[in-house]
């Protein structure tokens, strides 16, 4: 993924733990990252699905629902 200074600044301001990580960790993060724009009202993942990554939401809102056990 092409990393601009604005993008890295945004990620590190929203996720300070990543901003405090070493340069190697930060480089690996962006090497494997994929930027995706998800339309409103779309699912990011569903309960029971295998997670292939960690979504970092840079803009917008996410709602988490659990209807029942």
PDB file of N, CA and C in Angstrom:
ATOM      1  N   UNK A   1       0.852  -1.170   0.000  1.00  0.00           N
ATOM      2  CA  UNK A   1       0.000   0.000   0.000  1.00  0.00           C
ATOM      3  C   UNK A   1       0.895   1.230   0.000  1.00  0.00           C
ATOM      4  N   UNK A   2       0.555   2.192  -0.818  1.00  0.00           N
ATOM      5  CA  UNK A   2       1.319   3.437  -0.852  1.00  0.00           C
ATOM      6  C   UNK A   2       0.990   4.250   0.400  1.00  0.00           C
ATOM      7  N   UNK A   3       2.018   4.592   1.137  1.00  0.00           N
ATOM      8  CA  UNK A   3       1.833   5.308   2.392  1.00  0.00           C
ATOM      9  C   UNK A   3       2.286   6.748   2.215  1.00  0.00           C
ATOM     10  N   UNK A   4       1.353   7.651   2.395  1.00  0.00           N
ATOM     11  CA  UNK A   4       1.686   9.069   2.365  1.00  0.00           C
ATOM     12  C   UNK A   4       1.916   9.534   3.802  1.00  0.00           C
ATOM     13  N   UNK A   5       2.621  10.627   3.981  1.00  0.00           N
ATOM     14  CA  UNK A   5       2.785  11.152   5.343  1.00  0.00           C
ATOM     15  C   UNK A   5       1.444  11.449   6.020  1.00  0.00           C
ATOM     16  N   UNK A   6       0.465  11.907   5.246  1.00  0.00           N
ATOM     17  CA  UNK A   6      -0.848  12.203   5.810  1.00  0.00           C
ATOM     18  C   UNK A   6      -1.529  10.931   6.309  1.00  0.00           C
ATOM     19  N   UNK A   7      -1.406   9.835   5.554  1.00  0.00           N
ATOM     20  CA  UNK A   7      -2.027   8.583   5.954  1.00  0.00           C
ATOM     21  C   UNK A   7      -1.374   8.037   7.218  1.00  0.00           C
ATOM     22  N   UNK A   8      -0.057   7.998   7.249  1.00  0.00           N
ATOM     23  CA  UNK A   8       0.614   7.463   8.442  1.00  0.00           C
ATOM     24  C   UNK A   8       0.316   8.335   9.656  1.00  0.00           C
ATOM     25  N   UNK A   9       0.275   9.644   9.482  1.00  0.00           N
ATOM     26  CA  UNK A   9      -0.056  10.544  10.596  1.00  0.00           C
ATOM     27  C   UNK A   9      -1.471  10.270  11.105  1.00  0.00           C
ATOM     28  N   UNK A  10      -2.408  10.046  10.196  1.00  0.00           N
ATOM     29  CA  UNK A  10      -3.800   9.756  10.583  1.00  0.00           C
ATOM     30  C   UNK A  10      -3.889   8.439  11.354  1.00  0.00           C
ATOM     31  N   UNK A  11      -3.241   7.399  10.838  1.00  0.00           N
ATOM     32  CA  UNK A  11      -3.274   6.095  11.501  1.00  0.00           C
ATOM     33  C   UNK A  11      -2.673   6.202  12.892  1.00  0.00           C
ATOM     34  N   UNK A  12      -1.517   6.839  13.000  1.00  0.00           N
ATOM     35  CA  UNK A  12      -0.833   6.903  14.285  1.00  0.00           C
ATOM     36  C   UNK A  12      -1.525   7.836  15.273  1.00  0.00           C
ATOM     37  N   UNK A  13      -2.265   8.820  14.790  1.00  0.00           N
ATOM     38  CA  UNK A  13      -3.013   9.682  15.712  1.00  0.00           C
ATOM     39  C   UNK A  13      -4.253   8.961  16.248  1.00  0.00           C
ATOM     40  N   UNK A  14      -4.866   8.112  15.415  1.00  0.00           N
ATOM     41  CA  UNK A  14      -6.043   7.361  15.850  1.00  0.00           C
ATOM     42  C   UNK A  14      -5.675   6.131  16.677  1.00  0.00           C
ATOM     43  N   UNK A  15      -4.506   5.589  16.424  1.00  0.00           N
ATOM     44  CA  UNK A  15      -4.058   4.358  17.097  1.00  0.00           C
ATOM     45  C   UNK A  15      -2.655   4.590  17.661  1.00  0.00           C
ATOM     46  N   UNK A  16      -2.553   5.284  18.800  1.00  0.00           N
ATOM     47  CA  UNK A  16      -1.251   5.648  19.368  1.00  0.00           C
ATOM     48  C   UNK A  16      -0.334   4.447  19.624  1.00  0.00           C
ATOM     49  N   UNK A  17      -0.901   3.296  19.918  1.00  0.00           N
ATOM     50  CA  UNK A  17      -0.075   2.108  20.131  1.00  0.00           C
ATOM     51  C   UNK A  17       0.776   1.819  18.890  1.00  0.00           C
ATOM     52  N   UNK A  18       0.192   1.977  17.722  1.00  0.00           N
ATOM     53  CA  UNK A  18       0.937   1.760  16.479  1.00  0.00           C
ATOM     54  C   UNK A  18       1.960   2.865  16.249  1.00  0.00           C
ATOM     55  N   UNK A  19       1.614   4.082  16.648  1.00  0.00           N
ATOM     56  CA  UNK A  19       2.549   5.193  16.515  1.00  0.00           C
ATOM     57  C   UNK A  19       3.768   5.033  17.400  1.00  0.00           C
ATOM     58  N   UNK A  20       3.590   4.341  18.526  1.00  0.00           N
ATOM     59  CA  UNK A  20       4.700   4.118  19.448  1.00  0.00           C
ATOM     60  C   UNK A  20       5.469   2.843  19.140  1.00  0.00           C
ATOM     61  N   UNK A  21       4.997   2.066  18.179  1.00  0.00           N
ATOM     62  CA  UNK A  21       5.698   0.835  17.791  1.00  0.00           C
ATOM     63  C   UNK A  21       6.974   1.209  17.044  1.00  0.00           C
ATOM     64  N   UNK A  22       7.886   0.300  16.988  1.00  0.00           N
ATOM     65  CA  UNK A  22       9.144   0.551  16.281  1.00  0.00           C
ATOM     66  C   UNK A  22       8.939   0.702  14.783  1.00  0.00           C
ATOM     67  N   UNK A  23       9.945   1.223  14.127  1.00  0.00           N
ATOM     68  CA  UNK A  23       9.887   1.455  12.682  1.00  0.00           C
ATOM     69  C   UNK A  23       9.662   0.155  11.912  1.00  0.00           C
ATOM     70  N   UNK A  24      10.236  -0.958  12.398  1.00  0.00           N
ATOM     71  CA  UNK A  24      10.039  -2.248  11.714  1.00  0.00           C
ATOM     72  C   UNK A  24       8.576  -2.669  11.748  1.00  0.00           C
ATOM     73  N   UNK A  25       7.945  -2.515  12.900  1.00  0.00           N
ATOM     74  CA  UNK A  25       6.534  -2.885  13.044  1.00  0.00           C
ATOM     75  C   UNK A  25       5.671  -2.000  12.154  1.00  0.00           C
ATOM     76  N   UNK A  26       5.954  -0.713  12.146  1.00  0.00           N
ATOM     77  CA  UNK A  26       5.184   0.212  11.315  1.00  0.00           C
ATOM     78  C   UNK A  26       5.349  -0.118   9.834  1.00  0.00           C
ATOM     79  N   UNK A  27       6.575  -0.421   9.411  1.00  0.00           N
ATOM     80  CA  UNK A  27       6.818  -0.761   8.003  1.00  0.00           C
ATOM     81  C   UNK A  27       6.067  -2.033   7.627  1.00  0.00           C
ATOM     82  N   UNK A  28       6.082  -3.030   8.518  1.00  0.00           N
ATOM     83  CA  UNK A  28       5.376  -4.278   8.240  1.00  0.00           C
ATOM     84  C   UNK A  28       3.871  -4.066   8.185  1.00  0.00           C
ATOM     85  N   UNK A  29       3.359  -3.229   9.070  1.00  0.00           N
ATOM     86  CA  UNK A  29       1.932  -2.916   9.059  1.00  0.00           C
ATOM     87  C   UNK A  29       1.508  -2.395   7.692  1.00  0.00           C
ATOM     88  N   UNK A  30       2.213  -1.394   7.189  1.00  0.00           N
ATOM     89  CA  UNK A  30       1.822  -0.793   5.916  1.00  0.00           C
ATOM     90  C   UNK A  30       2.146  -1.692   4.726  1.00  0.00           C
ATOM     91  N   UNK A  31       3.136  -2.569   4.886  1.00  0.00           N
ATOM     92  CA  UNK A  31       3.465  -3.504   3.810  1.00  0.00           C
ATOM     93  C   UNK A  31       2.313  -4.481   3.569  1.00  0.00           C
ATOM     94  N   UNK A  32       1.642  -4.887   4.647  1.00  0.00           N
ATOM     95  CA  UNK A  32       0.570  -5.870   4.537  1.00  0.00           C
ATOM     96  C   UNK A  32      -0.826  -5.249   4.540  1.00  0.00           C
ATOM     97  N   UNK A  33      -0.916  -3.963   4.730  1.00  0.00           N
ATOM     98  CA  UNK A  33      -2.218  -3.298   4.841  1.00  0.00           C
ATOM     99  C   UNK A  33      -2.886  -3.135   3.475  1.00  0.00           C
ATOM    100  N   UNK A  34      -4.191  -3.157   3.509  1.00  0.00           N
ATOM    101  CA  UNK A  34      -5.013  -2.877   2.333  1.00  0.00           C
ATOM    102  C   UNK A  34      -6.026  -1.820   2.743  1.00  0.00           C
ATOM    103  N   UNK A  35      -6.088  -0.761   1.969  1.00  0.00           N
ATOM    104  CA  UNK A  35      -7.063   0.288   2.276  1.00  0.00           C
ATOM    105  C   UNK A  35      -8.352  -0.008   1.523  1.00  0.00           C
ATOM    106  N   UNK A  36      -9.452  -0.030   2.268  1.00  0.00           N
ATOM    107  CA  UNK A  36     -10.752  -0.366   1.698  1.00  0.00           C
ATOM    108  C   UNK A  36     -11.763   0.671   2.153  1.00  0.00           C
ATOM    109  N   UNK A  37     -12.581   1.133   1.239  1.00  0.00           N
ATOM    110  CA  UNK A  37     -13.691   2.013   1.601  1.00  0.00           C
ATOM    111  C   UNK A  37     -14.950   1.163   1.586  1.00  0.00           C
ATOM    112  N   UNK A  38     -15.633   1.140   2.718  1.00  0.00           N
ATOM    113  CA  UNK A  38     -16.825   0.321   2.857  1.00  0.00           C
ATOM    114  C   UNK A  38     -18.038   1.240   2.925  1.00  0.00           C
ATOM    115  N   UNK A  39     -19.017   1.015   2.050  1.00  0.00           N
ATOM    116  CA  UNK A  39     -20.213   1.862   2.063  1.00  0.00           C
ATOM    117  C   UNK A  39     -20.969   1.736   3.392  1.00  0.00           C
ATOM    118  N   UNK A  40     -21.733   2.745   3.693  1.00  0.00           N
ATOM    119  CA  UNK A  40     -22.558   2.733   4.904  1.00  0.00           C
ATOM    120  C   UNK A  40     -23.482   1.524   4.899  1.00  0.00           C
ATOM    121  N   UNK A  41     -23.763   1.026   6.095  1.00  0.00           N
ATOM    122  CA  UNK A  41     -24.698  -0.077   6.326  1.00  0.00           C
ATOM    123  C   UNK A  41     -24.197  -1.431   5.806  1.00  0.00           C
ATOM    124  N   UNK A  42     -22.901  -1.547   5.549  1.00  0.00           N
ATOM    125  CA  UNK A  42     -22.321  -2.818   5.117  1.00  0.00           C
ATOM    126  C   UNK A  42     -21.646  -3.497   6.304  1.00  0.00           C
ATOM    127  N   UNK A  43     -21.614  -4.812   6.285  1.00  0.00           N
ATOM    128  CA  UNK A  43     -20.955  -5.573   7.337  1.00  0.00           C
ATOM    129  C   UNK A  43     -19.454  -5.612   7.089  1.00  0.00           C
ATOM    130  N   UNK A  44     -18.692  -5.428   8.157  1.00  0.00           N
ATOM    131  CA  UNK A  44     -17.242  -5.619   8.080  1.00  0.00           C
ATOM    132  C   UNK A  44     -16.938  -7.092   8.315  1.00  0.00           C
ATOM    133  N   UNK A  45     -17.586  -7.669   9.309  1.00  0.00           N
ATOM    134  CA  UNK A  45     -17.471  -9.105   9.572  1.00  0.00           C
ATOM    135  C   UNK A  45     -18.683  -9.553  10.372  1.00  0.00           C
ATOM    136  N   UNK A  46     -18.887 -10.853  10.367  1.00  0.00           N
ATOM    137  CA  UNK A  46     -20.019 -11.433  11.091  1.00  0.00           C
ATOM    138  C   UNK A  46     -19.500 -12.402  12.138  1.00  0.00           C
ATOM    139  N   UNK A  47     -20.247 -12.543  13.224  1.00  0.00           N
ATOM    140  CA  UNK A  47     -19.871 -13.472  14.279  1.00  0.00           C
ATOM    141  C   UNK A  47     -19.715 -14.872  13.696  1.00  0.00           C
ATOM    142  N   UNK A  48     -18.646 -15.538  14.092  1.00  0.00           N
ATOM    143  CA  UNK A  48     -18.380 -16.889  13.613  1.00  0.00           C
ATOM    144  C   UNK A  48     -17.500 -16.934  12.384  1.00  0.00           C
ATOM    145  N   UNK A  49     -17.342 -15.809  11.688  1.00  0.00           N
ATOM    146  CA  UNK A  49     -16.456 -15.775  10.526  1.00  0.00           C
ATOM    147  C   UNK A  49     -15.002 -15.760  10.990  1.00  0.00           C
ATOM    148  N   UNK A  50     -14.147 -16.373  10.197  1.00  0.00           N
ATOM    149  CA  UNK A  50     -12.727 -16.343  10.496  1.00  0.00           C
ATOM    150  C   UNK A  50     -12.180 -14.965  10.140  1.00  0.00           C
ATOM    151  N   UNK A  51     -11.385 -14.419  11.013  1.00  0.00           N
ATOM    152  CA  UNK A  51     -10.828 -13.081  10.801  1.00  0.00           C
ATOM    153  C   UNK A  51      -9.496 -13.195  10.071  1.00  0.00           C
ATOM    154  N   UNK A  52      -9.381 -12.538   8.935  1.00  0.00           N
ATOM    155  CA  UNK A  52      -8.135 -12.580   8.171  1.00  0.00           C
ATOM    156  C   UNK A  52      -7.301 -11.313   8.383  1.00  0.00           C
ATOM    157  N   UNK A  53      -7.802 -10.408   9.184  1.00  0.00           N
ATOM    158  CA  UNK A  53      -7.081  -9.167   9.450  1.00  0.00           C
ATOM    159  C   UNK A  53      -7.768  -8.387  10.540  1.00  0.00           C
ATOM    160  N   UNK A  54      -7.214  -7.250  10.836  1.00  0.00           N
ATOM    161  CA  UNK A  54      -7.783  -6.373  11.860  1.00  0.00           C
ATOM    162  C   UNK A  54      -8.212  -5.084  11.176  1.00  0.00           C
ATOM    163  N   UNK A  55      -9.512  -4.795  11.153  1.00  0.00           N
ATOM    164  CA  UNK A  55      -9.945  -3.547  10.531  1.00  0.00           C
ATOM    165  C   UNK A  55      -9.604  -2.348  11.424  1.00  0.00           C
ATOM    166  N   UNK A  56      -8.946  -1.375  10.856  1.00  0.00           N
ATOM    167  CA  UNK A  56      -8.670  -0.113  11.542  1.00  0.00           C
ATOM    168  C   UNK A  56      -9.532   0.941  10.870  1.00  0.00           C
ATOM    169  N   UNK A  57     -10.533   1.410  11.548  1.00  0.00           N
ATOM    170  CA  UNK A  57     -11.474   2.365  10.970  1.00  0.00           C
ATOM    171  C   UNK A  57     -10.886   3.764  11.100  1.00  0.00           C
ATOM    172  N   UNK A  58     -10.621   4.400   9.957  1.00  0.00           N
ATOM    173  CA  UNK A  58      -9.992   5.719   9.941  1.00  0.00           C
ATOM    174  C   UNK A  58     -11.013   6.844   9.876  1.00  0.00           C
ATOM    175  N   UNK A  59     -12.200   6.551   9.401  1.00  0.00           N
ATOM    176  CA  UNK A  59     -13.253   7.563   9.318  1.00  0.00           C
ATOM    177  C   UNK A  59     -14.605   6.868   9.359  1.00  0.00           C
ATOM    178  N   UNK A  60     -15.567   7.535   9.927  1.00  0.00           N
ATOM    179  CA  UNK A  60     -16.899   6.971  10.007  1.00  0.00           C
ATOM    180  C   UNK A  60     -17.130   6.299  11.343  1.00  0.00           C
ATOM    181  N   UNK A  61     -18.193   5.514  11.401  1.00  0.00           N
ATOM    182  CA  UNK A  61     -18.572   4.829  12.639  1.00  0.00           C
ATOM    183  C   UNK A  61     -18.793   3.357  12.372  1.00  0.00           C
ATOM    184  N   UNK A  62     -18.602   2.588  13.426  1.00  0.00           N
ATOM    185  CA  UNK A  62     -18.868   1.153  13.374  1.00  0.00           C
ATOM    186  C   UNK A  62     -19.781   0.815  14.523  1.00  0.00           C
ATOM    187  N   UNK A  63     -20.768   0.014  14.246  1.00  0.00           N
ATOM    188  CA  UNK A  63     -21.661  -0.478  15.305  1.00  0.00           C
ATOM    189  C   UNK A  63     -21.423  -1.963  15.457  1.00  0.00           C
ATOM    190  N   UNK A  64     -21.420  -2.398  16.698  1.00  0.00           N
ATOM    191  CA  UNK A  64     -21.234  -3.814  17.006  1.00  0.00           C
ATOM    192  C   UNK A  64     -22.540  -4.325  17.610  1.00  0.00           C
ATOM    193  N   UNK A  65     -23.055  -5.405  17.015  1.00  0.00           N
ATOM    194  CA  UNK A  65     -24.312  -5.980  17.480  1.00  0.00           C
ATOM    195  C   UNK A  65     -24.110  -7.435  17.871  1.00  0.00           C
ATOM    196  N   UNK A  66     -24.750  -7.829  18.932  1.00  0.00           N
ATOM    197  CA  UNK A  66     -24.886  -9.233  19.297  1.00  0.00           C
ATOM    198  C   UNK A  66     -26.345  -9.385  19.690  1.00  0.00           C
ATOM    199  N   UNK A  67     -27.086 -10.108  18.880  1.00  0.00           N
ATOM    200  CA  UNK A  67     -28.529 -10.195  19.098  1.00  0.00           C
ATOM    201  C   UNK A  67     -28.900 -11.146  20.220  1.00  0.00           C
ATOM    202  N   UNK A  68     -28.227 -12.288  20.339  1.00  0.00           N
ATOM    203  CA  UNK A  68     -28.504 -13.223  21.419  1.00  0.00           C
ATOM    204  C   UNK A  68     -27.419 -14.282  21.450  1.00  0.00           C
ATOM    205  N   UNK A  69     -27.429 -15.070  22.516  1.00  0.00           N
ATOM    206  CA  UNK A  69     -26.481 -16.182  22.670  1.00  0.00           C
ATOM    207  C   UNK A  69     -27.035 -17.394  21.988  1.00  0.00           C
TER     208      UNK A  69
END
